[in-house]
Structures are given as C-alpha cells and as structure tokens.
Amino acid sequence: MAAIPPSRGSARPSLPAATLLLTAVYVAGAAVALLLGGPVQRLVGVVVLAVTAARLAALRGARRGAAPWS
C-alpha cells in the first residue's frame, strides 16, 4: 500500500525543535534582562528580542519558498 503524500498547501511546515528551543532560551534571557537588569542589560534584552523576531520572520519567509534576496 502506497503512502499518500500530504498536500503542500494544507499545513505550514513547522520550525525545527532546535530553533524553537533556542528561541525560547533567547526570549527567557531577554525577559530576565528586562525585568532584573540595569539600563545596559535592558537595552541588550530589547536588541535580543528584535534580532530573534527578525530571524524568525526570515525563517518563515524562506520556508514559504521566497528567495532570500526577495
């Protein structure tokens, strides 16, 4: 019996587990820096959150089939 391949448009491919784990670690570290840190640590926390969001957006765009330069 042949396996039926999933349709391409029905579900969005999920991110790898390692990407999700690192994202959770970065967000948790940024949250701690924002809550407990001084001014410099808070600024670093905001930068980490911004870079993490940009990387996730780029990964989702690449997974949809968009060229990296488009």
PDB file of N, CA and C in Angstrom:
ATOM      1  N   MET A   1       0.836  -1.156   0.000  1.00  0.00           N
ATOM      2  CA  MET A   1       0.000   0.000   0.000  1.00  0.00           C
ATOM      3  C   MET A   1       0.898   1.242   0.000  1.00  0.00           C
ATOM      4  N   ALA A   2       0.664   2.128  -0.921  1.00  0.00           N
ATOM      5  CA  ALA A   2       1.500   3.321  -1.058  1.00  0.00           C
ATOM      6  C   ALA A   2       1.044   4.404  -0.088  1.00  0.00           C
ATOM      7  N   ALA A   3       2.000   5.128   0.439  1.00  0.00           N
ATOM      8  CA  ALA A   3       1.681   6.233   1.340  1.00  0.00           C
ATOM      9  C   ALA A   3       1.213   7.421   0.530  1.00  0.00           C
ATOM     10  N   ILE A   4       0.231   8.103   1.033  1.00  0.00           N
ATOM     11  CA  ILE A   4      -0.301   9.275   0.353  1.00  0.00           C
ATOM     12  C   ILE A   4       0.470  10.488   0.860  1.00  0.00           C
ATOM     13  N   PRO A   5       1.141  11.198  -0.048  1.00  0.00           N
ATOM     14  CA  PRO A   5       1.903  12.374   0.398  1.00  0.00           C
ATOM     15  C   PRO A   5       0.940  13.479   0.828  1.00  0.00           C
ATOM     16  N   PRO A   6       1.334  14.252   1.837  1.00  0.00           N
ATOM     17  CA  PRO A   6       0.469  15.349   2.284  1.00  0.00           C
ATOM     18  C   PRO A   6       0.393  16.436   1.219  1.00  0.00           C
ATOM     19  N   SER A   7      -0.737  17.094   1.148  1.00  0.00           N
ATOM     20  CA  SER A   7      -0.856  18.194   0.186  1.00  0.00           C
ATOM     21  C   SER A   7       0.025  19.346   0.651  1.00  0.00           C
ATOM     22  N   ARG A   8       0.560  20.054  -0.282  1.00  0.00           N
ATOM     23  CA  ARG A   8       1.534  21.104   0.055  1.00  0.00           C
ATOM     24  C   ARG A   8       0.892  22.330   0.681  1.00  0.00           C
ATOM     25  N   GLY A   9      -0.301  22.654   0.301  1.00  0.00           N
ATOM     26  CA  GLY A   9      -0.903  23.886   0.771  1.00  0.00           C
ATOM     27  C   GLY A   9      -1.709  23.754   2.047  1.00  0.00           C
ATOM     28  N   SER A  10      -1.889  22.557   2.548  1.00  0.00           N
ATOM     29  CA  SER A  10      -2.792  22.381   3.681  1.00  0.00           C
ATOM     30  C   SER A  10      -2.185  22.796   5.013  1.00  0.00           C
ATOM     31  N   ALA A  11      -0.931  22.521   5.226  1.00  0.00           N
ATOM     32  CA  ALA A  11      -0.321  22.828   6.524  1.00  0.00           C
ATOM     33  C   ALA A  11       1.012  23.532   6.322  1.00  0.00           C
ATOM     34  N   ARG A  12       1.275  24.468   7.211  1.00  0.00           N
ATOM     35  CA  ARG A  12       2.548  25.171   7.155  1.00  0.00           C
ATOM     36  C   ARG A  12       3.606  24.290   7.812  1.00  0.00           C
ATOM     37  N   PRO A  13       4.776  24.140   7.190  1.00  0.00           N
ATOM     38  CA  PRO A  13       5.814  23.316   7.820  1.00  0.00           C
ATOM     39  C   PRO A  13       6.265  23.939   9.141  1.00  0.00           C
ATOM     40  N   SER A  14       6.485  23.092  10.124  1.00  0.00           N
ATOM     41  CA  SER A  14       6.867  23.594  11.436  1.00  0.00           C
ATOM     42  C   SER A  14       8.369  23.876  11.484  1.00  0.00           C
ATOM     43  N   LEU A  15       8.737  24.700  12.433  1.00  0.00           N
ATOM     44  CA  LEU A  15      10.146  25.013  12.633  1.00  0.00           C
ATOM     45  C   LEU A  15      10.817  23.843  13.347  1.00  0.00           C
ATOM     46  N   PRO A  16      12.101  23.641  13.109  1.00  0.00           N
ATOM     47  CA  PRO A  16      12.810  22.562  13.809  1.00  0.00           C
ATOM     48  C   PRO A  16      12.802  22.775  15.321  1.00  0.00           C
ATOM     49  N   ALA A  17      12.867  21.676  16.051  1.00  0.00           N
ATOM     50  CA  ALA A  17      12.828  21.743  17.513  1.00  0.00           C
ATOM     51  C   ALA A  17      13.993  22.552  18.071  1.00  0.00           C
ATOM     52  N   ALA A  18      15.162  22.440  17.472  1.00  0.00           N
ATOM     53  CA  ALA A  18      16.325  23.192  17.958  1.00  0.00           C
ATOM     54  C   ALA A  18      16.094  24.696  17.817  1.00  0.00           C
ATOM     55  N   THR A  19      15.454  25.119  16.742  1.00  0.00           N
ATOM     56  CA  THR A  19      15.164  26.540  16.543  1.00  0.00           C
ATOM     57  C   THR A  19      14.196  27.029  17.610  1.00  0.00           C
ATOM     58  N   LEU A  20      13.180  26.227  17.891  1.00  0.00           N
ATOM     59  CA  LEU A  20      12.217  26.618  18.918  1.00  0.00           C
ATOM     60  C   LEU A  20      12.857  26.665  20.300  1.00  0.00           C
ATOM     61  N   LEU A  21      13.743  25.712  20.589  1.00  0.00           N
ATOM     62  CA  LEU A  21      14.415  25.698  21.886  1.00  0.00           C
ATOM     63  C   LEU A  21      15.303  26.928  22.053  1.00  0.00           C
ATOM     64  N   LEU A  22      16.097  27.237  21.045  1.00  0.00           N
ATOM     65  CA  LEU A  22      16.969  28.413  21.135  1.00  0.00           C
ATOM     66  C   LEU A  22      16.162  29.699  21.232  1.00  0.00           C
ATOM     67  N   THR A  23      15.056  29.759  20.509  1.00  0.00           N
ATOM     68  CA  THR A  23      14.192  30.938  20.592  1.00  0.00           C
ATOM     69  C   THR A  23      13.659  31.104  22.006  1.00  0.00           C
ATOM     70  N   ALA A  24      13.236  30.005  22.619  1.00  0.00           N
ATOM     71  CA  ALA A  24      12.728  30.066  24.000  1.00  0.00           C
ATOM     72  C   ALA A  24      13.819  30.516  24.960  1.00  0.00           C
ATOM     73  N   VAL A  25      15.038  30.037  24.773  1.00  0.00           N
ATOM     74  CA  VAL A  25      16.155  30.432  25.638  1.00  0.00           C
ATOM     75  C   VAL A  25      16.460  31.918  25.470  1.00  0.00           C
ATOM     76  N   TYR A  26      16.487  32.398  24.217  1.00  0.00           N
ATOM     77  CA  TYR A  26      16.768  33.814  23.973  1.00  0.00           C
ATOM     78  C   TYR A  26      15.684  34.703  24.582  1.00  0.00           C
ATOM     79  N   VAL A  27      14.423  34.313  24.395  1.00  0.00           N
ATOM     80  CA  VAL A  27      13.323  35.123  24.913  1.00  0.00           C
ATOM     81  C   VAL A  27      13.338  35.121  26.448  1.00  0.00           C
ATOM     82  N   ALA A  28      13.614  33.971  27.050  1.00  0.00           N
ATOM     83  CA  ALA A  28      13.688  33.913  28.510  1.00  0.00           C
ATOM     84  C   ALA A  28      14.831  34.782  29.033  1.00  0.00           C
ATOM     85  N   GLY A  29      15.980  34.729  28.390  1.00  0.00           N
ATOM     86  CA  GLY A  29      17.109  35.558  28.803  1.00  0.00           C
ATOM     87  C   GLY A  29      16.817  37.033  28.642  1.00  0.00           C
ATOM     88  N   ALA A  30      16.156  37.388  27.549  1.00  0.00           N
ATOM     89  CA  ALA A  30      15.804  38.789  27.334  1.00  0.00           C
ATOM     90  C   ALA A  30      14.782  39.245  28.375  1.00  0.00           C
ATOM     91  N   ALA A  31      13.846  38.376  28.728  1.00  0.00           N
ATOM     92  CA  ALA A  31      12.850  38.736  29.736  1.00  0.00           C
ATOM     93  C   ALA A  31      13.505  38.963  31.100  1.00  0.00           C
ATOM     94  N   VAL A  32      14.449  38.116  31.457  1.00  0.00           N
ATOM     95  CA  VAL A  32      15.168  38.292  32.726  1.00  0.00           C
ATOM     96  C   VAL A  32      15.952  39.601  32.705  1.00  0.00           C
ATOM     97  N   ALA A  33      16.597  39.885  31.575  1.00  0.00           N
ATOM     98  CA  ALA A  33      17.360  41.134  31.468  1.00  0.00           C
ATOM     99  C   ALA A  33      16.443  42.347  31.579  1.00  0.00           C
ATOM    100  N   LEU A  34      15.256  42.264  30.970  1.00  0.00           N
ATOM    101  CA  LEU A  34      14.333  43.394  31.041  1.00  0.00           C
ATOM    102  C   LEU A  34      13.777  43.584  32.449  1.00  0.00           C
ATOM    103  N   LEU A  35      13.541  42.485  33.158  1.00  0.00           N
ATOM    104  CA  LEU A  35      12.949  42.580  34.489  1.00  0.00           C
ATOM    105  C   LEU A  35      13.960  42.912  35.574  1.00  0.00           C
ATOM    106  N   LEU A  36      15.154  42.328  35.500  1.00  0.00           N
ATOM    107  CA  LEU A  36      16.099  42.438  36.603  1.00  0.00           C
ATOM    108  C   LEU A  36      17.350  43.254  36.292  1.00  0.00           C
ATOM    109  N   GLY A  37      17.578  43.555  35.041  1.00  0.00           N
ATOM    110  CA  GLY A  37      18.827  44.196  34.663  1.00  0.00           C
ATOM    111  C   GLY A  37      18.811  45.699  34.783  1.00  0.00           C
ATOM    112  N   GLY A  38      20.002  46.233  34.654  1.00  0.00           N
ATOM    113  CA  GLY A  38      20.159  47.677  34.629  1.00  0.00           C
ATOM    114  C   GLY A  38      19.867  48.200  33.235  1.00  0.00           C
ATOM    115  N   PRO A  39      20.157  49.475  33.004  1.00  0.00           N
ATOM    116  CA  PRO A  39      19.843  50.084  31.706  1.00  0.00           C
ATOM    117  C   PRO A  39      20.525  49.388  30.519  1.00  0.00           C
ATOM    118  N   VAL A  40      21.784  49.018  30.681  1.00  0.00           N
ATOM    119  CA  VAL A  40      22.504  48.382  29.575  1.00  0.00           C
ATOM    120  C   VAL A  40      21.941  46.993  29.306  1.00  0.00           C
ATOM    121  N   GLN A  41      21.657  46.234  30.361  1.00  0.00           N
ATOM    122  CA  GLN A  41      21.100  44.898  30.188  1.00  0.00           C
ATOM    123  C   GLN A  41      19.712  44.969  29.561  1.00  0.00           C
ATOM    124  N   ARG A  42      18.934  45.978  29.918  1.00  0.00           N
ATOM    125  CA  ARG A  42      17.610  46.140  29.303  1.00  0.00           C
ATOM    126  C   ARG A  42      17.726  46.443  27.823  1.00  0.00           C
ATOM    127  N   LEU A  43      18.683  47.284  27.470  1.00  0.00           N
ATOM    128  CA  LEU A  43      18.903  47.591  26.062  1.00  0.00           C
ATOM    129  C   LEU A  43      19.315  46.332  25.301  1.00  0.00           C
ATOM    130  N   VAL A  44      20.189  45.536  25.887  1.00  0.00           N
ATOM    131  CA  VAL A  44      20.606  44.277  25.259  1.00  0.00           C
ATOM    132  C   VAL A  44      19.410  43.338  25.128  1.00  0.00           C
ATOM    133  N   GLY A  45      18.543  43.302  26.120  1.00  0.00           N
ATOM    134  CA  GLY A  45      17.354  42.467  26.052  1.00  0.00           C
ATOM    135  C   GLY A  45      16.437  42.868  24.910  1.00  0.00           C
ATOM    136  N   VAL A  46      16.256  44.153  24.717  1.00  0.00           N
ATOM    137  CA  VAL A  46      15.427  44.642  23.611  1.00  0.00           C
ATOM    138  C   VAL A  46      16.057  44.278  22.276  1.00  0.00           C
ATOM    139  N   VAL A  47      17.369  44.418  22.176  1.00  0.00           N
ATOM    140  CA  VAL A  47      18.065  44.066  20.936  1.00  0.00           C
ATOM    141  C   VAL A  47      17.937  42.573  20.653  1.00  0.00           C
ATOM    142  N   VAL A  48      18.086  41.743  21.672  1.00  0.00           N
ATOM    143  CA  VAL A  48      17.948  40.289  21.504  1.00  0.00           C
ATOM    144  C   VAL A  48      16.546  39.947  21.016  1.00  0.00           C
ATOM    145  N   LEU A  49      15.528  40.564  21.601  1.00  0.00           N
ATOM    146  CA  LEU A  49      14.161  40.308  21.157  1.00  0.00           C
ATOM    147  C   LEU A  49      13.955  40.735  19.704  1.00  0.00           C
ATOM    148  N   ALA A  50      14.503  41.878  19.329  1.00  0.00           N
ATOM    149  CA  ALA A  50      14.345  42.357  17.952  1.00  0.00           C
ATOM    150  C   ALA A  50      15.044  41.437  16.954  1.00  0.00           C
ATOM    151  N   VAL A  51      16.254  41.020  17.276  1.00  0.00           N
ATOM    152  CA  VAL A  51      17.001  40.134  16.374  1.00  0.00           C
ATOM    153  C   VAL A  51      16.320  38.773  16.273  1.00  0.00           C
ATOM    154  N   THR A  52      15.829  38.265  17.388  1.00  0.00           N
ATOM    155  CA  THR A  52      15.134  36.975  17.377  1.00  0.00           C
ATOM    156  C   THR A  52      13.870  37.049  16.527  1.00  0.00           C
ATOM    157  N   ALA A  53      13.109  38.112  16.658  1.00  0.00           N
ATOM    158  CA  ALA A  53      11.899  38.276  15.851  1.00  0.00           C
ATOM    159  C   ALA A  53      12.235  38.383  14.369  1.00  0.00           C
ATOM    160  N   ALA A  54      13.301  39.110  14.045  1.00  0.00           N
ATOM    161  CA  ALA A  54      13.692  39.241  12.641  1.00  0.00           C
ATOM    162  C   ALA A  54      14.144  37.906  12.061  1.00  0.00           C
ATOM    163  N   ARG A  55      14.881  37.131  12.845  1.00  0.00           N
ATOM    164  CA  ARG A  55      15.343  35.826  12.365  1.00  0.00           C
ATOM    165  C   ARG A  55      14.172  34.869  12.157  1.00  0.00           C
ATOM    166  N   LEU A  56      13.214  34.876  13.068  1.00  0.00           N
ATOM    167  CA  LEU A  56      12.039  34.013  12.902  1.00  0.00           C
ATOM    168  C   LEU A  56      11.230  34.423  11.670  1.00  0.00           C
ATOM    169  N   ALA A  57      11.095  35.721  11.447  1.00  0.00           N
ATOM    170  CA  ALA A  57      10.374  36.186  10.257  1.00  0.00           C
ATOM    171  C   ALA A  57      11.107  35.766   8.990  1.00  0.00           C
ATOM    172  N   ALA A  58      12.428  35.831   9.008  1.00  0.00           N
ATOM    173  CA  ALA A  58      13.204  35.418   7.837  1.00  0.00           C
ATOM    174  C   ALA A  58      13.094  33.911   7.606  1.00  0.00           C
ATOM    175  N   LEU A  59      13.087  33.132   8.686  1.00  0.00           N
ATOM    176  CA  LEU A  59      12.932  31.686   8.545  1.00  0.00           C
ATOM    177  C   LEU A  59      11.567  31.334   7.983  1.00  0.00           C
ATOM    178  N   ARG A  60      10.540  31.989   8.446  1.00  0.00           N
ATOM    179  CA  ARG A  60       9.197  31.706   7.937  1.00  0.00           C
ATOM    180  C   ARG A  60       9.084  32.110   6.473  1.00  0.00           C
ATOM    181  N   GLY A  61       9.707  33.226   6.093  1.00  0.00           N
ATOM    182  CA  GLY A  61       9.692  33.638   4.682  1.00  0.00           C
ATOM    183  C   GLY A  61      10.423  32.651   3.803  1.00  0.00           C
ATOM    184  N   ALA A  62      11.551  32.127   4.270  1.00  0.00           N
ATOM    185  CA  ALA A  62      12.318  31.155   3.499  1.00  0.00           C
ATOM    186  C   ALA A  62      11.561  29.845   3.382  1.00  0.00           C
ATOM    187  N   ARG A  63      10.816  29.474   4.417  1.00  0.00           N
ATOM    188  CA  ARG A  63      10.059  28.228   4.379  1.00  0.00           C
ATOM    189  C   ARG A  63       8.870  28.322   3.437  1.00  0.00           C
ATOM    190  N   ARG A  64       8.383  29.522   3.170  1.00  0.00           N
ATOM    191  CA  ARG A  64       7.260  29.669   2.256  1.00  0.00           C
ATOM    192  C   ARG A  64       7.728  29.590   0.806  1.00  0.00           C
ATOM    193  N   GLY A  65       9.017  29.542   0.585  1.00  0.00           N
ATOM    194  CA  GLY A  65       9.525  29.437  -0.767  1.00  0.00           C
ATOM    195  C   GLY A  65      10.061  30.738  -1.326  1.00  0.00           C
ATOM    196  N   ALA A  66      10.088  31.780  -0.542  1.00  0.00           N
ATOM    197  CA  ALA A  66      10.617  33.037  -1.015  1.00  0.00           C
ATOM    198  C   ALA A  66      12.138  32.959  -1.105  1.00  0.00           C
ATOM    199  N   ALA A  67      12.672  33.579  -2.122  1.00  0.00           N
ATOM    200  CA  ALA A  67      14.115  33.619  -2.274  1.00  0.00           C
ATOM    201  C   ALA A  67      14.700  34.526  -1.205  1.00  0.00           C
ATOM    202  N   PRO A  68      15.896  34.221  -0.685  1.00  0.00           N
ATOM    203  CA  PRO A  68      16.465  35.030   0.392  1.00  0.00           C
ATOM    204  C   PRO A  68      16.715  36.473   0.001  1.00  0.00           C
ATOM    205  N   TRP A  69      16.816  36.769  -1.261  1.00  0.00           N
ATOM    206  CA  TRP A  69      17.116  38.125  -1.698  1.00  0.00           C
ATOM    207  C   TRP A  69      15.847  38.881  -2.100  1.00  0.00           C
ATOM    208  N   SER A  70      14.684  38.257  -2.038  1.00  0.00           N
ATOM    209  CA  SER A  70      13.463  38.934  -2.499  1.00  0.00           C
ATOM    210  C   SER A  70      12.797  39.670  -1.357  1.00  0.00           C
TER     211      SER A  70
END
